[in-house]
N, C-alpha and C. Protein backbone atom coordinates (compact mmCIF):
# COMPACT_ATOMS: atom_id res chain seq x y z
N MET A 1 99.47 116.91 63.39
CA MET A 1 98.46 117.28 63.96
C MET A 1 99.05 118.18 65.26
N GLN A 2 98.54 119.09 65.58
CA GLN A 2 98.88 119.90 66.43
C GLN A 2 97.87 119.38 68.07
N PHE A 3 98.55 119.54 69.02
CA PHE A 3 98.02 119.17 70.48
C PHE A 3 97.75 120.82 70.83
N SER A 4 96.69 120.92 71.53
CA SER A 4 96.41 121.99 72.20
C SER A 4 97.09 122.09 73.46
N LYS A 5 97.31 123.24 74.56
CA LYS A 5 97.89 123.29 75.81
C LYS A 5 97.11 122.19 76.65
N LYS A 6 95.73 122.30 76.54
CA LYS A 6 94.77 121.34 77.53
C LYS A 6 95.05 119.94 77.18
N MET A 7 95.26 119.52 75.86
CA MET A 7 95.50 117.95 75.80
C MET A 7 96.75 117.89 76.23
N MET A 8 97.68 118.49 75.93
CA MET A 8 99.08 118.05 76.68
C MET A 8 99.03 118.09 78.24
N GLY A 9 98.49 119.11 78.43
CA GLY A 9 98.56 118.83 80.01
C GLY A 9 97.56 117.49 80.29
N LEU A 10 96.57 117.26 80.05
CA LEU A 10 95.95 115.82 80.14
C LEU A 10 96.86 114.81 79.96
N ALA A 11 97.71 114.80 78.91
CA ALA A 11 98.35 113.61 78.78
C ALA A 11 99.58 113.49 79.43
N ALA A 12 100.15 114.78 80.08
CA ALA A 12 101.16 114.78 80.81
C ALA A 12 100.46 114.48 82.70
N LEU A 13 99.50 114.68 82.47
CA LEU A 13 98.64 114.28 84.05
C LEU A 13 98.37 112.74 83.82
N GLY A 14 97.97 112.41 82.71
CA GLY A 14 98.03 110.91 82.66
C GLY A 14 99.13 110.08 82.67
N LEU A 15 100.26 110.36 82.43
CA LEU A 15 101.64 110.02 82.59
C LEU A 15 101.98 109.76 83.91
N LEU A 16 101.67 110.93 84.66
CA LEU A 16 101.95 111.17 85.90
C LEU A 16 101.08 110.26 87.00
N ALA A 17 100.00 110.02 86.56
CA ALA A 17 99.14 109.36 87.34
C ALA A 17 99.75 107.83 87.08
N ALA A 18 100.21 107.32 85.94
CA ALA A 18 100.46 106.26 85.47
C ALA A 18 101.79 105.84 86.33
N SER A 19 102.43 106.56 86.31
CA SER A 19 104.02 106.52 86.98
C SER A 19 103.97 106.32 88.48
N LEU A 20 102.86 107.04 89.00
CA LEU A 20 102.11 106.97 90.83
C LEU A 20 101.74 105.55 90.83
N SER A 21 100.86 105.18 89.95
CA SER A 21 100.48 103.76 90.20
C SER A 21 101.27 102.49 90.02
N GLY A 22 102.29 102.95 89.11
CA GLY A 22 103.36 102.02 88.85
C GLY A 22 104.41 101.77 90.09
N CYS A 23 104.64 102.75 90.61
CA CYS A 23 105.65 102.71 91.53
C CYS A 23 105.22 103.31 92.88
N ALA A 24 104.10 102.58 93.21
CA ALA A 24 103.46 103.12 94.58
C ALA A 24 104.18 103.09 95.77
N SER A 25 104.77 101.68 95.76
CA SER A 25 105.98 101.78 96.89
C SER A 25 106.97 102.77 97.08
N LYS A 26 107.40 103.29 95.99
CA LYS A 26 108.65 104.24 95.90
C LYS A 26 108.10 105.40 96.70
N LEU A 27 106.65 105.77 96.60
CA LEU A 27 106.54 107.07 97.21
C LEU A 27 106.75 107.50 98.42
N ILE A 28 106.62 106.25 99.19
CA ILE A 28 107.05 106.34 100.78
C ILE A 28 108.02 105.59 100.94
N GLY A 29 109.26 106.29 101.44
CA GLY A 29 110.25 105.64 102.15
C GLY A 29 110.39 104.78 103.03
N GLU A 30 111.45 103.79 103.10
CA GLU A 30 111.31 102.87 103.93
C GLU A 30 112.28 102.84 104.96
N ARG A 31 111.93 103.13 106.20
CA ARG A 31 112.86 102.98 107.49
C ARG A 31 113.67 101.86 107.64
N ILE A 32 114.66 101.86 108.00
CA ILE A 32 115.56 100.64 108.17
C ILE A 32 114.89 100.02 109.48
N GLY A 33 114.94 98.71 109.10
CA GLY A 33 114.07 97.67 109.84
C GLY A 33 112.41 97.66 109.53
N ALA A 34 112.00 98.38 108.95
CA ALA A 34 110.46 98.39 108.41
C ALA A 34 110.33 97.03 108.04
N ASP A 35 110.80 96.51 107.06
CA ASP A 35 110.51 95.34 106.54
C ASP A 35 110.47 94.08 107.46
N GLN A 36 110.87 94.31 108.40
CA GLN A 36 110.64 93.57 109.69
C GLN A 36 109.40 93.37 110.33
N VAL A 37 108.76 94.41 110.25
CA VAL A 37 107.34 94.79 111.05
C VAL A 37 106.42 93.98 110.53
N VAL A 38 105.86 93.22 111.35
CA VAL A 38 104.98 92.24 110.95
C VAL A 38 103.10 92.91 111.14
N LEU A 39 102.23 92.69 109.84
CA LEU A 39 100.82 92.93 109.80
C LEU A 39 100.25 91.97 110.63
N ALA A 40 99.60 92.09 111.64
CA ALA A 40 98.82 91.31 112.19
C ALA A 40 97.44 91.47 112.32
N LYS A 41 96.87 90.50 112.75
CA LYS A 41 95.30 90.47 113.12
C LYS A 41 94.96 90.87 114.52
N GLU A 42 93.85 91.68 115.28
CA GLU A 42 93.65 92.06 116.27
C GLU A 42 93.67 91.00 117.07
N SER A 43 93.27 89.61 116.77
CA SER A 43 93.35 88.72 117.78
C SER A 43 94.84 87.76 117.80
N GLU A 44 95.51 88.30 117.10
CA GLU A 44 96.99 87.71 117.38
C GLU A 44 97.93 88.76 118.32
N VAL A 45 97.44 90.17 118.81
CA VAL A 45 98.14 90.74 119.39
C VAL A 45 97.86 90.80 121.05
N ALA A 46 97.03 90.01 121.46
CA ALA A 46 96.36 89.72 123.02
C ALA A 46 97.61 89.83 123.88
N ASN A 47 98.86 89.25 123.70
CA ASN A 47 99.99 89.25 124.66
C ASN A 47 101.06 90.22 124.25
N CYS A 48 100.70 91.28 123.45
CA CYS A 48 101.67 92.15 122.87
C CYS A 48 101.36 93.81 123.75
N LYS A 49 102.15 94.37 123.93
CA LYS A 49 102.38 95.84 124.58
C LYS A 49 101.87 96.68 123.18
N SER A 50 100.61 97.39 123.87
CA SER A 50 100.29 98.42 122.82
C SER A 50 101.05 99.58 122.78
N LEU A 51 101.66 100.27 121.68
CA LEU A 51 102.33 101.69 121.74
C LEU A 51 101.54 102.55 121.23
N GLY A 52 100.33 102.57 121.08
CA GLY A 52 99.40 103.70 120.48
C GLY A 52 98.90 103.30 119.23
N ARG A 53 98.13 104.21 118.52
CA ARG A 53 97.24 104.41 117.21
C ARG A 53 98.02 105.46 116.68
N SER A 54 97.86 105.44 115.60
CA SER A 54 98.29 106.46 114.52
C SER A 54 97.14 106.35 113.18
N THR A 55 96.74 107.95 112.83
CA THR A 55 95.76 107.79 111.68
C THR A 55 96.67 108.31 110.50
N LEU A 56 97.04 107.55 109.51
CA LEU A 56 97.64 107.83 108.52
C LEU A 56 96.99 108.13 107.17
N SER A 57 97.47 109.17 106.14
CA SER A 57 96.86 109.38 105.23
C SER A 57 97.60 109.68 103.90
N VAL A 58 97.53 109.39 102.91
CA VAL A 58 98.35 109.20 101.44
C VAL A 58 97.48 109.91 100.53
N LEU A 59 98.15 110.26 99.75
CA LEU A 59 97.80 110.74 98.19
C LEU A 59 96.82 109.81 97.64
N SER A 60 95.69 110.02 97.41
CA SER A 60 94.66 109.10 96.90
C SER A 60 94.25 109.56 95.37
N THR A 61 94.36 110.78 95.30
CA THR A 61 93.99 111.44 94.16
C THR A 61 95.08 112.29 93.72
N LEU A 62 94.96 112.41 92.16
CA LEU A 62 95.81 113.51 91.54
C LEU A 62 94.80 113.92 90.34
N GLY A 63 94.07 115.24 90.97
CA GLY A 63 93.51 115.74 90.23
C GLY A 63 92.20 114.94 89.89
N PRO A 64 91.68 114.81 88.72
CA PRO A 64 90.60 113.75 88.50
C PRO A 64 90.97 112.50 88.28
N ILE A 65 92.03 111.90 88.77
CA ILE A 65 92.42 110.64 88.70
C ILE A 65 92.52 109.92 89.92
N THR A 66 92.15 108.92 90.18
CA THR A 66 92.03 108.47 91.51
C THR A 66 93.15 107.09 91.39
N ARG A 67 93.98 106.75 92.35
CA ARG A 67 94.96 105.96 92.62
C ARG A 67 94.31 104.65 92.78
N SER A 68 94.86 103.77 92.59
CA SER A 68 94.42 102.18 92.66
C SER A 68 94.38 102.02 94.25
N ALA A 69 93.34 101.21 94.57
CA ALA A 69 93.22 100.78 96.06
C ALA A 69 94.51 100.09 96.49
N GLU A 70 94.89 99.35 95.70
CA GLU A 70 95.90 98.68 96.38
C GLU A 70 97.28 99.28 96.33
N ALA A 71 97.69 100.39 95.59
CA ALA A 71 98.77 101.21 95.85
C ALA A 71 98.68 102.13 96.95
N VAL A 72 97.24 102.52 96.87
CA VAL A 72 96.89 103.56 98.31
C VAL A 72 97.24 102.57 99.59
N GLU A 73 96.59 101.34 99.84
CA GLU A 73 96.90 100.27 100.94
C GLU A 73 98.36 100.18 100.92
N ASP A 74 98.77 99.96 99.99
CA ASP A 74 100.66 99.86 100.07
C ASP A 74 101.33 100.70 100.53
N ASN A 75 101.08 102.19 100.43
CA ASN A 75 101.50 103.10 100.82
C ASN A 75 101.02 103.37 102.55
N LEU A 76 99.91 103.22 102.57
CA LEU A 76 99.38 103.25 103.81
C LEU A 76 100.09 102.08 105.16
N LEU A 77 100.25 101.07 104.21
CA LEU A 77 101.04 100.14 105.25
C LEU A 77 102.60 100.30 105.28
N GLN A 78 103.19 100.80 104.39
CA GLN A 78 104.43 101.35 104.66
C GLN A 78 104.68 102.40 105.39
N MET A 79 103.76 103.34 105.50
CA MET A 79 103.57 104.37 106.41
C MET A 79 103.60 103.76 107.98
N ALA A 80 102.52 102.65 108.08
CA ALA A 80 102.58 102.01 109.49
C ALA A 80 103.80 101.39 109.83
N ARG A 81 104.24 100.91 108.98
CA ARG A 81 105.64 100.17 109.29
C ARG A 81 106.69 101.00 109.87
N ASN A 82 106.87 102.06 109.13
CA ASN A 82 107.57 103.20 109.52
C ASN A 82 107.46 103.57 110.70
N GLU A 83 106.01 104.04 110.83
CA GLU A 83 105.62 104.37 112.26
C GLU A 83 105.95 103.70 113.31
N ALA A 84 105.70 102.08 113.11
CA ALA A 84 106.06 101.09 114.18
C ALA A 84 107.50 101.33 114.52
N ILE A 85 108.38 101.43 113.75
CA ILE A 85 109.75 101.71 113.95
C ILE A 85 110.40 102.90 114.75
N ASP A 86 109.51 103.77 114.21
CA ASP A 86 109.67 105.22 114.91
C ASP A 86 109.25 104.78 116.78
N LYS A 87 108.31 104.16 117.03
CA LYS A 87 107.62 103.89 118.03
C LYS A 87 108.41 102.84 118.85
N GLY A 88 109.17 102.20 118.22
CA GLY A 88 109.98 101.13 118.80
C GLY A 88 109.11 99.52 118.52
N GLY A 89 108.32 99.77 117.88
CA GLY A 89 107.37 98.40 117.80
C GLY A 89 107.83 97.35 116.91
N ASP A 90 107.09 96.51 116.66
CA ASP A 90 107.47 95.36 115.59
C ASP A 90 106.32 94.65 114.71
N THR A 91 104.71 95.07 115.25
CA THR A 91 103.83 94.86 114.80
C THR A 91 102.72 95.73 114.56
N VAL A 92 101.92 95.56 113.53
CA VAL A 92 100.96 96.67 113.35
C VAL A 92 99.52 96.06 112.99
N VAL A 93 98.68 96.45 113.51
CA VAL A 93 97.36 96.10 113.28
C VAL A 93 96.57 97.25 112.32
N LYS A 94 95.66 96.82 111.39
CA LYS A 94 95.06 97.81 110.36
C LYS A 94 93.72 97.80 111.38
N GLY A 95 93.63 99.39 111.18
CA GLY A 95 92.40 100.00 111.95
C GLY A 95 91.33 100.30 111.04
N ASN A 96 90.51 101.01 111.30
CA ASN A 96 89.47 101.56 110.39
C ASN A 96 89.90 102.61 109.24
N SER A 97 89.13 102.30 108.09
CA SER A 97 89.73 103.28 106.92
C SER A 97 88.52 104.33 107.11
N LEU A 98 88.97 105.71 107.58
CA LEU A 98 88.02 106.87 107.57
C LEU A 98 87.58 107.28 106.52
N GLU A 99 88.29 107.29 105.43
CA GLU A 99 88.01 107.65 104.16
C GLU A 99 89.07 106.97 103.16
N TYR A 100 88.73 106.92 101.84
CA TYR A 100 89.85 106.65 100.99
C TYR A 100 91.19 107.66 101.15
N GLY A 101 92.05 106.76 101.18
CA GLY A 101 93.42 107.20 101.34
C GLY A 101 94.02 107.67 102.86
N LYS A 102 92.89 107.08 103.73
CA LYS A 102 93.10 107.49 105.15
C LYS A 102 92.90 106.14 105.85
N ARG A 103 93.64 105.64 107.00
CA ARG A 103 93.42 104.56 107.70
C ARG A 103 94.01 104.65 109.00
N SER A 104 93.47 104.15 110.04
CA SER A 104 94.20 104.01 111.65
C SER A 104 94.89 102.62 111.45
N PHE A 105 95.97 102.82 111.98
CA PHE A 105 96.67 100.98 112.53
C PHE A 105 97.19 101.52 114.12
N GLU A 106 97.42 100.58 114.69
CA GLU A 106 97.80 100.52 116.11
C GLU A 106 99.01 99.57 115.93
N VAL A 107 100.13 100.09 116.94
CA VAL A 107 101.36 99.65 116.86
C VAL A 107 101.61 98.84 118.11
N PHE A 108 102.35 97.52 117.92
CA PHE A 108 102.60 96.77 119.33
C PHE A 108 103.90 96.18 119.17
N LYS A 109 104.39 96.04 120.44
CA LYS A 109 105.62 95.52 120.69
C LYS A 109 105.26 93.97 120.99
N CYS A 110 105.70 92.99 120.44
CA CYS A 110 105.13 91.68 120.41
C CYS A 110 106.37 90.40 121.04
N LYS A 111 107.65 90.92 120.33
CA LYS A 111 108.73 90.14 120.69
C LYS A 111 109.64 90.70 121.81
């Protein structure tokens, strides 16, 4: 049985999408110390210093394939933790999701 170029391309795209969803956390590098950054609720940061808000975005689709919501959110959270390290923070609070693959986070210094 011979595969057409189109079928081979679709198969390759499917394999790539499967690998992206399987290793979602590997797509975004982790800054040193980012694993110590806490995800908190807005009510938990009343006594913390705000270091600013960031709107982050990650790859949510690959051609006709949509990445899983869990993988997208994991990547967004990793980026937010990295951003907290860059800003000298230790806590992040999820903000609004502007569209699939985009979310705002506020960074705080609580300790």
